[in-house]
Amino acid sequence: MTATTVAASAPPAASGPARSVQGEGQYLVGEEMEAGTYKTAGPAGGVFPNCYWARLKDASGEFGAIIANGNVQGPTRVTVRKGEYFETNGCHTWDKVG
């Protein structure tokens, strides 16, 4: 019987922080998304009639962690800084514009 060696492929190289975010959740700016200015078309529809966003000083979920937030019904822009968390719910994709 002959042994067969199978070469494992290397994992893909990390591409760095994202330049757009979609869906709902919190993103650590500088690690999961780039710092800068992002825009969205507004609410994505579905369960949420509005697009909610927040800049947070930490991921604690506490009210005091909010730096700024908004509940918008149309297009909007938000500037996020490295070390902050960015939260989004019910919004179209956020794309970096600056």
PDB file of N, CA and C in Angstrom:
ATOM      1  N   MET A   1       0.838  -1.157   0.000  1.00  0.00           N
ATOM      2  CA  MET A   1       0.000   0.000   0.000  1.00  0.00           C
ATOM      3  C   MET A   1       0.895   1.235   0.000  1.00  0.00           C
ATOM      4  N   THR A   2       0.539   2.247  -0.762  1.00  0.00           N
ATOM      5  CA  THR A   2       1.325   3.454  -0.887  1.00  0.00           C
ATOM      6  C   THR A   2       0.642   4.590  -0.153  1.00  0.00           C
ATOM      7  N   ALA A   3       1.396   5.359   0.630  1.00  0.00           N
ATOM      8  CA  ALA A   3       0.845   6.509   1.349  1.00  0.00           C
ATOM      9  C   ALA A   3       0.715   7.682   0.396  1.00  0.00           C
ATOM     10  N   THR A   4      -0.341   8.386   0.522  1.00  0.00           N
ATOM     11  CA  THR A   4      -0.578   9.559  -0.307  1.00  0.00           C
ATOM     12  C   THR A   4      -0.526  10.802   0.577  1.00  0.00           C
ATOM     13  N   THR A   5       0.215  11.786   0.149  1.00  0.00           N
ATOM     14  CA  THR A   5       0.314  13.039   0.888  1.00  0.00           C
ATOM     15  C   THR A   5      -0.570  14.072   0.221  1.00  0.00           C
ATOM     16  N   VAL A   6      -1.391  14.711   1.007  1.00  0.00           N
ATOM     17  CA  VAL A   6      -2.251  15.765   0.487  1.00  0.00           C
ATOM     18  C   VAL A   6      -1.757  17.078   1.067  1.00  0.00           C
ATOM     19  N   ALA A   7      -1.403  18.001   0.204  1.00  0.00           N
ATOM     20  CA  ALA A   7      -0.914  19.302   0.649  1.00  0.00           C
ATOM     21  C   ALA A   7      -2.098  20.174   1.042  1.00  0.00           C
ATOM     22  N   ALA A   8      -2.027  20.726   2.214  1.00  0.00           N
ATOM     23  CA  ALA A   8      -3.075  21.646   2.662  1.00  0.00           C
ATOM     24  C   ALA A   8      -2.824  23.011   2.053  1.00  0.00           C
ATOM     25  N   SER A   9      -3.878  23.623   1.590  1.00  0.00           N
ATOM     26  CA  SER A   9      -3.705  24.955   1.019  1.00  0.00           C
ATOM     27  C   SER A   9      -3.632  25.975   2.147  1.00  0.00           C
ATOM     28  N   ALA A  10      -2.873  27.003   1.923  1.00  0.00           N
ATOM     29  CA  ALA A  10      -2.716  28.059   2.923  1.00  0.00           C
ATOM     30  C   ALA A  10      -4.004  28.865   2.995  1.00  0.00           C
ATOM     31  N   PRO A  11      -4.368  29.335   4.181  1.00  0.00           N
ATOM     32  CA  PRO A  11      -5.565  30.171   4.282  1.00  0.00           C
ATOM     33  C   PRO A  11      -5.361  31.476   3.516  1.00  0.00           C
ATOM     34  N   PRO A  12      -6.435  32.052   3.018  1.00  0.00           N
ATOM     35  CA  PRO A  12      -6.285  33.304   2.283  1.00  0.00           C
ATOM     36  C   PRO A  12      -5.723  34.399   3.186  1.00  0.00           C
ATOM     37  N   ALA A  13      -4.939  35.265   2.599  1.00  0.00           N
ATOM     38  CA  ALA A  13      -4.349  36.375   3.359  1.00  0.00           C
ATOM     39  C   ALA A  13      -5.442  37.336   3.800  1.00  0.00           C
ATOM     40  N   ALA A  14      -5.285  37.872   4.979  1.00  0.00           N
ATOM     41  CA  ALA A  14      -6.259  38.843   5.485  1.00  0.00           C
ATOM     42  C   ALA A  14      -6.201  40.097   4.629  1.00  0.00           C
ATOM     43  N   SER A  15      -7.343  40.620   4.282  1.00  0.00           N
ATOM     44  CA  SER A  15      -7.381  41.799   3.423  1.00  0.00           C
ATOM     45  C   SER A  15      -7.485  43.093   4.214  1.00  0.00           C
ATOM     46  N   GLY A  16      -7.502  42.995   5.526  1.00  0.00           N
ATOM     47  CA  GLY A  16      -7.596  44.191   6.349  1.00  0.00           C
ATOM     48  C   GLY A  16      -9.032  44.557   6.640  1.00  0.00           C
ATOM     49  N   PRO A  17      -9.230  45.683   7.318  1.00  0.00           N
ATOM     50  CA  PRO A  17     -10.579  46.117   7.677  1.00  0.00           C
ATOM     51  C   PRO A  17     -11.442  46.374   6.443  1.00  0.00           C
ATOM     52  N   ALA A  18     -12.734  46.134   6.583  1.00  0.00           N
ATOM     53  CA  ALA A  18     -13.682  46.300   5.480  1.00  0.00           C
ATOM     54  C   ALA A  18     -13.895  47.777   5.138  1.00  0.00           C
ATOM     55  N   ARG A  19     -14.204  48.034   3.870  1.00  0.00           N
ATOM     56  CA  ARG A  19     -14.536  49.379   3.404  1.00  0.00           C
ATOM     57  C   ARG A  19     -16.039  49.532   3.225  1.00  0.00           C
ATOM     58  N   SER A  20     -16.788  48.482   3.554  1.00  0.00           N
ATOM     59  CA  SER A  20     -18.247  48.553   3.585  1.00  0.00           C
ATOM     60  C   SER A  20     -18.736  47.530   4.600  1.00  0.00           C
ATOM     61  N   VAL A  21     -19.864  47.826   5.221  1.00  0.00           N
ATOM     62  CA  VAL A  21     -20.471  46.907   6.175  1.00  0.00           C
ATOM     63  C   VAL A  21     -21.943  46.778   5.846  1.00  0.00           C
ATOM     64  N   GLN A  22     -22.454  45.582   6.028  1.00  0.00           N
ATOM     65  CA  GLN A  22     -23.867  45.345   5.755  1.00  0.00           C
ATOM     66  C   GLN A  22     -24.435  44.454   6.837  1.00  0.00           C
ATOM     67  N   GLY A  23     -25.727  44.408   6.892  1.00  0.00           N
ATOM     68  CA  GLY A  23     -26.365  43.608   7.919  1.00  0.00           C
ATOM     69  C   GLY A  23     -26.466  44.369   9.218  1.00  0.00           C
ATOM     70  N   GLU A  24     -26.715  43.639  10.269  1.00  0.00           N
ATOM     71  CA  GLU A  24     -26.884  44.247  11.573  1.00  0.00           C
ATOM     72  C   GLU A  24     -25.785  43.783  12.506  1.00  0.00           C
ATOM     73  N   GLY A  25     -25.346  44.673  13.383  1.00  0.00           N
ATOM     74  CA  GLY A  25     -24.338  44.291  14.351  1.00  0.00           C
ATOM     75  C   GLY A  25     -23.441  45.436  14.731  1.00  0.00           C
ATOM     76  N   GLN A  26     -22.384  45.084  15.465  1.00  0.00           N
ATOM     77  CA  GLN A  26     -21.374  46.048  15.887  1.00  0.00           C
ATOM     78  C   GLN A  26     -20.058  45.706  15.216  1.00  0.00           C
ATOM     79  N   TYR A  27     -19.332  46.724  14.812  1.00  0.00           N
ATOM     80  CA  TYR A  27     -18.053  46.566  14.137  1.00  0.00           C
ATOM     81  C   TYR A  27     -17.005  47.416  14.845  1.00  0.00           C
ATOM     82  N   LEU A  28     -15.855  46.844  15.143  1.00  0.00           N
ATOM     83  CA  LEU A  28     -14.763  47.589  15.766  1.00  0.00           C
ATOM     84  C   LEU A  28     -14.009  48.347  14.683  1.00  0.00           C
ATOM     85  N   VAL A  29     -14.015  49.655  14.781  1.00  0.00           N
ATOM     86  CA  VAL A  29     -13.385  50.505  13.776  1.00  0.00           C
ATOM     87  C   VAL A  29     -11.867  50.392  13.900  1.00  0.00           C
ATOM     88  N   GLY A  30     -11.219  50.140  12.773  1.00  0.00           N
ATOM     89  CA  GLY A  30      -9.775  49.960  12.729  1.00  0.00           C
ATOM     90  C   GLY A  30      -9.387  48.494  12.632  1.00  0.00           C
ATOM     91  N   GLU A  31     -10.292  47.592  13.028  1.00  0.00           N
ATOM     92  CA  GLU A  31     -10.040  46.156  12.919  1.00  0.00           C
ATOM     93  C   GLU A  31     -11.036  45.485  11.985  1.00  0.00           C
ATOM     94  N   GLU A  32     -12.333  45.743  12.186  1.00  0.00           N
ATOM     95  CA  GLU A  32     -13.360  45.100  11.368  1.00  0.00           C
ATOM     96  C   GLU A  32     -13.831  45.997  10.225  1.00  0.00           C
ATOM     97  N   MET A  33     -13.658  47.286  10.382  1.00  0.00           N
ATOM     98  CA  MET A  33     -13.973  48.246   9.316  1.00  0.00           C
ATOM     99  C   MET A  33     -12.988  49.400   9.410  1.00  0.00           C
ATOM    100  N   GLU A  34     -12.696  50.019   8.273  1.00  0.00           N
ATOM    101  CA  GLU A  34     -11.760  51.145   8.251  1.00  0.00           C
ATOM    102  C   GLU A  34     -12.391  52.373   8.899  1.00  0.00           C
ATOM    103  N   ALA A  35     -11.554  53.208   9.480  1.00  0.00           N
ATOM    104  CA  ALA A  35     -12.010  54.507   9.970  1.00  0.00           C
ATOM    105  C   ALA A  35     -12.314  55.389   8.772  1.00  0.00           C
ATOM    106  N   GLY A  36     -13.233  56.331   8.934  1.00  0.00           N
ATOM    107  CA  GLY A  36     -13.558  57.251   7.857  1.00  0.00           C
ATOM    108  C   GLY A  36     -15.035  57.567   7.816  1.00  0.00           C
ATOM    109  N   THR A  37     -15.467  58.141   6.697  1.00  0.00           N
ATOM    110  CA  THR A  37     -16.853  58.517   6.510  1.00  0.00           C
ATOM    111  C   THR A  37     -17.549  57.485   5.636  1.00  0.00           C
ATOM    112  N   TYR A  38     -18.738  57.069   6.087  1.00  0.00           N
ATOM    113  CA  TYR A  38     -19.534  56.058   5.385  1.00  0.00           C
ATOM    114  C   TYR A  38     -20.905  56.626   5.066  1.00  0.00           C
ATOM    115  N   LYS A  39     -21.511  56.125   3.978  1.00  0.00           N
ATOM    116  CA  LYS A  39     -22.867  56.545   3.636  1.00  0.00           C
ATOM    117  C   LYS A  39     -23.734  55.308   3.414  1.00  0.00           C
ATOM    118  N   THR A  40     -25.022  55.490   3.628  1.00  0.00           N
ATOM    119  CA  THR A  40     -26.011  54.455   3.372  1.00  0.00           C
ATOM    120  C   THR A  40     -27.203  55.088   2.674  1.00  0.00           C
ATOM    121  N   ALA A  41     -27.954  54.278   1.947  1.00  0.00           N
ATOM    122  CA  ALA A  41     -29.163  54.759   1.277  1.00  0.00           C
ATOM    123  C   ALA A  41     -30.321  54.904   2.260  1.00  0.00           C
ATOM    124  N   GLY A  42     -30.148  54.374   3.477  1.00  0.00           N
ATOM    125  CA  GLY A  42     -31.200  54.480   4.486  1.00  0.00           C
ATOM    126  C   GLY A  42     -31.752  53.120   4.861  1.00  0.00           C
ATOM    127  N   PRO A  43     -33.024  53.071   5.259  1.00  0.00           N
ATOM    128  CA  PRO A  43     -33.625  51.824   5.719  1.00  0.00           C
ATOM    129  C   PRO A  43     -33.635  50.740   4.641  1.00  0.00           C
ATOM    130  N   ALA A  44     -33.365  49.516   5.066  1.00  0.00           N
ATOM    131  CA  ALA A  44     -33.354  48.375   4.146  1.00  0.00           C
ATOM    132  C   ALA A  44     -34.737  47.753   4.022  1.00  0.00           C
ATOM    133  N   GLY A  45     -35.686  48.231   4.813  1.00  0.00           N
ATOM    134  CA  GLY A  45     -37.024  47.640   4.802  1.00  0.00           C
ATOM    135  C   GLY A  45     -37.060  46.453   5.753  1.00  0.00           C
ATOM    136  N   GLY A  46     -38.081  45.669   5.668  1.00  0.00           N
ATOM    137  CA  GLY A  46     -38.179  44.518   6.548  1.00  0.00           C
ATOM    138  C   GLY A  46     -38.767  44.885   7.898  1.00  0.00           C
ATOM    139  N   VAL A  47     -38.202  44.327   8.954  1.00  0.00           N
ATOM    140  CA  VAL A  47     -38.735  44.496  10.304  1.00  0.00           C
ATOM    141  C   VAL A  47     -38.618  45.937  10.794  1.00  0.00           C
ATOM    142  N   PHE A  48     -37.503  46.601  10.485  1.00  0.00           N
ATOM    143  CA  PHE A  48     -37.268  47.953  10.975  1.00  0.00           C
ATOM    144  C   PHE A  48     -37.704  48.988   9.942  1.00  0.00           C
ATOM    145  N   PRO A  49     -38.603  49.916  10.312  1.00  0.00           N
ATOM    146  CA  PRO A  49     -39.012  50.947   9.353  1.00  0.00           C
ATOM    147  C   PRO A  49     -37.962  52.045   9.199  1.00  0.00           C
ATOM    148  N   ASN A  50     -36.990  52.095  10.118  1.00  0.00           N
ATOM    149  CA  ASN A  50     -35.944  53.112  10.098  1.00  0.00           C
ATOM    150  C   ASN A  50     -34.576  52.445  10.043  1.00  0.00           C
ATOM    151  N   CYS A  51     -33.584  53.257   9.795  1.00  0.00           N
ATOM    152  CA  CYS A  51     -32.181  52.837   9.814  1.00  0.00           C
ATOM    153  C   CYS A  51     -31.567  53.410  11.081  1.00  0.00           C
ATOM    154  N   TYR A  52     -31.131  52.538  11.999  1.00  0.00           N
ATOM    155  CA  TYR A  52     -30.510  52.993  13.240  1.00  0.00           C
ATOM    156  C   TYR A  52     -29.000  52.797  13.140  1.00  0.00           C
ATOM    157  N   TRP A  53     -28.253  53.808  13.567  1.00  0.00           N
ATOM    158  CA  TRP A  53     -26.795  53.706  13.633  1.00  0.00           C
ATOM    159  C   TRP A  53     -26.333  54.312  14.953  1.00  0.00           C
ATOM    160  N   ALA A  54     -25.159  53.864  15.409  1.00  0.00           N
ATOM    161  CA  ALA A  54     -24.576  54.438  16.625  1.00  0.00           C
ATOM    162  C   ALA A  54     -23.064  54.335  16.568  1.00  0.00           C
ATOM    163  N   ARG A  55     -22.408  55.385  17.062  1.00  0.00           N
ATOM    164  CA  ARG A  55     -20.967  55.360  17.333  1.00  0.00           C
ATOM    165  C   ARG A  55     -20.847  55.115  18.831  1.00  0.00           C
ATOM    166  N   LEU A  56     -20.048  54.124  19.208  1.00  0.00           N
ATOM    167  CA  LEU A  56     -19.959  53.708  20.604  1.00  0.00           C
ATOM    168  C   LEU A  56     -18.523  53.728  21.086  1.00  0.00           C
ATOM    169  N   LYS A  57     -18.318  54.083  22.357  1.00  0.00           N
ATOM    170  CA  LYS A  57     -16.960  54.086  22.905  1.00  0.00           C
ATOM    171  C   LYS A  57     -16.516  52.689  23.327  1.00  0.00           C
ATOM    172  N   ASP A  58     -17.473  51.758  23.507  1.00  0.00           N
ATOM    173  CA  ASP A  58     -17.142  50.366  23.825  1.00  0.00           C
ATOM    174  C   ASP A  58     -18.327  49.483  23.429  1.00  0.00           C
ATOM    175  N   ALA A  59     -18.187  48.193  23.597  1.00  0.00           N
ATOM    176  CA  ALA A  59     -19.223  47.241  23.194  1.00  0.00           C
ATOM    177  C   ALA A  59     -20.056  46.765  24.380  1.00  0.00           C
ATOM    178  N   SER A  60     -20.142  47.577  25.430  1.00  0.00           N
ATOM    179  CA  SER A  60     -20.826  47.172  26.654  1.00  0.00           C
ATOM    180  C   SER A  60     -22.342  47.065  26.518  1.00  0.00           C
ATOM    181  N   GLY A  61     -22.913  47.796  25.578  1.00  0.00           N
ATOM    182  CA  GLY A  61     -24.358  47.825  25.444  1.00  0.00           C
ATOM    183  C   GLY A  61     -25.023  48.816  26.384  1.00  0.00           C
ATOM    184  N   GLU A  62     -24.229  49.515  27.170  1.00  0.00           N
ATOM    185  CA  GLU A  62     -24.752  50.494  28.113  1.00  0.00           C
ATOM    186  C   GLU A  62     -25.075  51.810  27.402  1.00  0.00           C
ATOM    187  N   PHE A  63     -26.091  52.513  27.895  1.00  0.00           N
ATOM    188  CA  PHE A  63     -26.492  53.789  27.324  1.00  0.00           C
ATOM    189  C   PHE A  63     -25.338  54.786  27.302  1.00  0.00           C
ATOM    190  N   GLY A  64     -24.507  54.763  28.335  1.00  0.00           N
ATOM    191  CA  GLY A  64     -23.386  55.683  28.432  1.00  0.00           C
ATOM    192  C   GLY A  64     -22.285  55.445  27.414  1.00  0.00           C
ATOM    193  N   ALA A  65     -22.329  54.336  26.702  1.00  0.00           N
ATOM    194  CA  ALA A  65     -21.324  54.044  25.680  1.00  0.00           C
ATOM    195  C   ALA A  65     -21.583  54.792  24.372  1.00  0.00           C
ATOM    196  N   ILE A  66     -22.769  55.357  24.213  1.00  0.00           N
ATOM    197  CA  ILE A  66     -23.138  56.034  22.967  1.00  0.00           C
ATOM    198  C   ILE A  66     -22.422  57.378  22.860  1.00  0.00           C
ATOM    199  N   ILE A  67     -21.672  57.540  21.774  1.00  0.00           N
ATOM    200  CA  ILE A  67     -21.023  58.816  21.448  1.00  0.00           C
ATOM    201  C   ILE A  67     -22.009  59.664  20.649  1.00  0.00           C
ATOM    202  N   ALA A  68     -22.630  59.035  19.662  1.00  0.00           N
ATOM    203  CA  ALA A  68     -23.639  59.678  18.809  1.00  0.00           C
ATOM    204  C   ALA A  68     -24.466  58.571  18.178  1.00  0.00           C
ATOM    205  N   ASN A  69     -25.726  58.881  17.832  1.00  0.00           N
ATOM    206  CA  ASN A  69     -26.556  57.890  17.152  1.00  0.00           C
ATOM    207  C   ASN A  69     -27.638  58.591  16.350  1.00  0.00           C
ATOM    208  N   GLY A  70     -28.335  57.816  15.545  1.00  0.00           N
ATOM    209  CA  GLY A  70     -29.412  58.370  14.745  1.00  0.00           C
ATOM    210  C   GLY A  70     -30.375  57.289  14.327  1.00  0.00           C
ATOM    211  N   ASN A  71     -31.590  57.705  14.030  1.00  0.00           N
ATOM    212  CA  ASN A  71     -32.647  56.817  13.574  1.00  0.00           C
ATOM    213  C   ASN A  71     -33.242  57.493  12.347  1.00  0.00           C
ATOM    214  N   VAL A  72     -32.725  57.163  11.178  1.00  0.00           N
ATOM    215  CA  VAL A  72     -33.028  57.914   9.965  1.00  0.00           C
ATOM    216  C   VAL A  72     -33.952  57.163   9.024  1.00  0.00           C
ATOM    217  N   GLN A  73     -34.612  57.922   8.163  1.00  0.00           N
ATOM    218  CA  GLN A  73     -35.529  57.335   7.188  1.00  0.00           C
ATOM    219  C   GLN A  73     -35.043  57.526   5.757  1.00  0.00           C
ATOM    220  N   GLY A  74     -33.882  58.127   5.576  1.00  0.00           N
ATOM    221  CA  GLY A  74     -33.352  58.356   4.242  1.00  0.00           C
ATOM    222  C   GLY A  74     -31.840  58.230   4.248  1.00  0.00           C
ATOM    223  N   PRO A  75     -31.199  58.643   3.159  1.00  0.00           N
ATOM    224  CA  PRO A  75     -29.740  58.558   3.068  1.00  0.00           C
ATOM    225  C   PRO A  75     -29.062  59.352   4.186  1.00  0.00           C
ATOM    226  N   THR A  76     -27.930  58.846   4.644  1.00  0.00           N
ATOM    227  CA  THR A  76     -27.180  59.544   5.688  1.00  0.00           C
ATOM    228  C   THR A  76     -25.708  59.171   5.623  1.00  0.00           C
ATOM    229  N   ARG A  77     -24.893  59.982   6.280  1.00  0.00           N
ATOM    230  CA  ARG A  77     -23.443  59.756   6.387  1.00  0.00           C
ATOM    231  C   ARG A  77     -23.039  59.788   7.846  1.00  0.00           C
ATOM    232  N   VAL A  78     -22.028  58.976   8.171  1.00  0.00           N
ATOM    233  CA  VAL A  78     -21.490  58.925   9.529  1.00  0.00           C
ATOM    234  C   VAL A  78     -19.976  58.803   9.432  1.00  0.00           C
ATOM    235  N   THR A  79     -19.258  59.549  10.265  1.00  0.00           N
ATOM    236  CA  THR A  79     -17.796  59.438  10.334  1.00  0.00           C
ATOM    237  C   THR A  79     -17.433  58.687  11.607  1.00  0.00           C
ATOM    238  N   VAL A  80     -16.652  57.613  11.449  1.00  0.00           N
ATOM    239  CA  VAL A  80     -16.229  56.789  12.584  1.00  0.00           C
ATOM    240  C   VAL A  80     -14.714  56.849  12.726  1.00  0.00           C
ATOM    241  N   ARG A  81     -14.247  56.730  13.966  1.00  0.00           N
ATOM    242  CA  ARG A  81     -12.816  56.839  14.263  1.00  0.00           C
ATOM    243  C   ARG A  81     -12.278  55.531  14.826  1.00  0.00           C
ATOM    244  N   LYS A  82     -11.011  55.300  14.593  1.00  0.00           N
ATOM    245  CA  LYS A  82     -10.351  54.088  15.068  1.00  0.00           C
ATOM    246  C   LYS A  82     -10.549  53.934  16.579  1.00  0.00           C
ATOM    247  N   GLY A  83     -10.879  52.720  17.007  1.00  0.00           N
ATOM    248  CA  GLY A  83     -11.078  52.421  18.415  1.00  0.00           C
ATOM    249  C   GLY A  83     -12.531  52.495  18.849  1.00  0.00           C
ATOM    250  N   GLU A  84     -13.386  53.139  18.051  1.00  0.00           N
ATOM    251  CA  GLU A  84     -14.811  53.181  18.342  1.00  0.00           C
ATOM    252  C   GLU A  84     -15.474  51.902  17.827  1.00  0.00           C
ATOM    253  N   TYR A  85     -16.696  51.684  18.255  1.00  0.00           N
ATOM    254  CA  TYR A  85     -17.539  50.642  17.679  1.00  0.00           C
ATOM    255  C   TYR A  85     -18.623  51.323  16.873  1.00  0.00           C
ATOM    256  N   PHE A  86     -18.993  50.724  15.748  1.00  0.00           N
ATOM    257  CA  PHE A  86     -20.076  51.233  14.927  1.00  0.00           C
ATOM    258  C   PHE A  86     -21.173  50.179  14.927  1.00  0.00           C
ATOM    259  N   GLU A  87     -22.384  50.599  15.281  1.00  0.00           N
ATOM    260  CA  GLU A  87     -23.529  49.685  15.306  1.00  0.00           C
ATOM    261  C   GLU A  87     -24.521  50.098  14.243  1.00  0.00           C
ATOM    262  N   THR A  88     -25.104  49.136  13.556  1.00  0.00           N
ATOM    263  CA  THR A  88     -26.097  49.405  12.532  1.00  0.00           C
ATOM    264  C   THR A  88     -27.218  48.377  12.614  1.00  0.00           C
ATOM    265  N   ASN A  89     -28.442  48.850  12.429  1.00  0.00           N
ATOM    266  CA  ASN A  89     -29.626  47.983  12.434  1.00  0.00           C
ATOM    267  C   ASN A  89     -30.637  48.498  11.416  1.00  0.00           C
ATOM    268  N   GLY A  90     -31.093  47.627  10.534  1.00  0.00           N
ATOM    269  CA  GLY A  90     -32.137  47.978   9.573  1.00  0.00           C
ATOM    270  C   GLY A  90     -31.710  48.875   8.449  1.00  0.00           C
ATOM    271  N   CYS A  91     -30.411  48.957   8.175  1.00  0.00           N
ATOM    272  CA  CYS A  91     -29.898  49.866   7.142  1.00  0.00           C
ATOM    273  C   CYS A  91     -29.403  49.097   5.912  1.00  0.00           C
ATOM    274  N   HIS A  92     -29.424  49.794   4.768  1.00  0.00           N
ATOM    275  CA  HIS A  92     -28.741  49.284   3.586  1.00  0.00           C
ATOM    276  C   HIS A  92     -27.235  49.254   3.907  1.00  0.00           C
ATOM    277  N   THR A  93     -26.445  48.711   3.024  1.00  0.00           N
ATOM    278  CA  THR A  93     -24.994  48.649   3.169  1.00  0.00           C
ATOM    279  C   THR A  93     -24.414  50.038   3.391  1.00  0.00           C
ATOM    280  N   TRP A  94     -23.426  50.120   4.286  1.00  0.00           N
ATOM    281  CA  TRP A  94     -22.673  51.348   4.516  1.00  0.00           C
ATOM    282  C   TRP A  94     -21.390  51.250   3.696  1.00  0.00           C
ATOM    283  N   ASP A  95     -21.147  52.203   2.800  1.00  0.00           N
ATOM    284  CA  ASP A  95     -19.946  52.216   1.951  1.00  0.00           C
ATOM    285  C   ASP A  95     -19.080  53.399   2.324  1.00  0.00           C
ATOM    286  N   LYS A  96     -17.759  53.147   2.376  1.00  0.00           N
ATOM    287  CA  LYS A  96     -16.817  54.209   2.720  1.00  0.00           C
ATOM    288  C   LYS A  96     -16.709  55.200   1.567  1.00  0.00           C
ATOM    289  N   VAL A  97     -16.822  56.492   1.914  1.00  0.00           N
ATOM    290  CA  VAL A  97     -16.751  57.554   0.906  1.00  0.00           C
ATOM    291  C   VAL A  97     -15.672  58.581   1.225  1.00  0.00           C
ATOM    292  N   GLY A  98     -15.011  58.426   2.335  1.00  0.00           N
ATOM    293  CA  GLY A  98     -13.969  59.383   2.699  1.00  0.00           C
ATOM    294  C   GLY A  98     -13.186  58.965   3.904  1.00  0.00           C
TER     295      GLY A  98
END
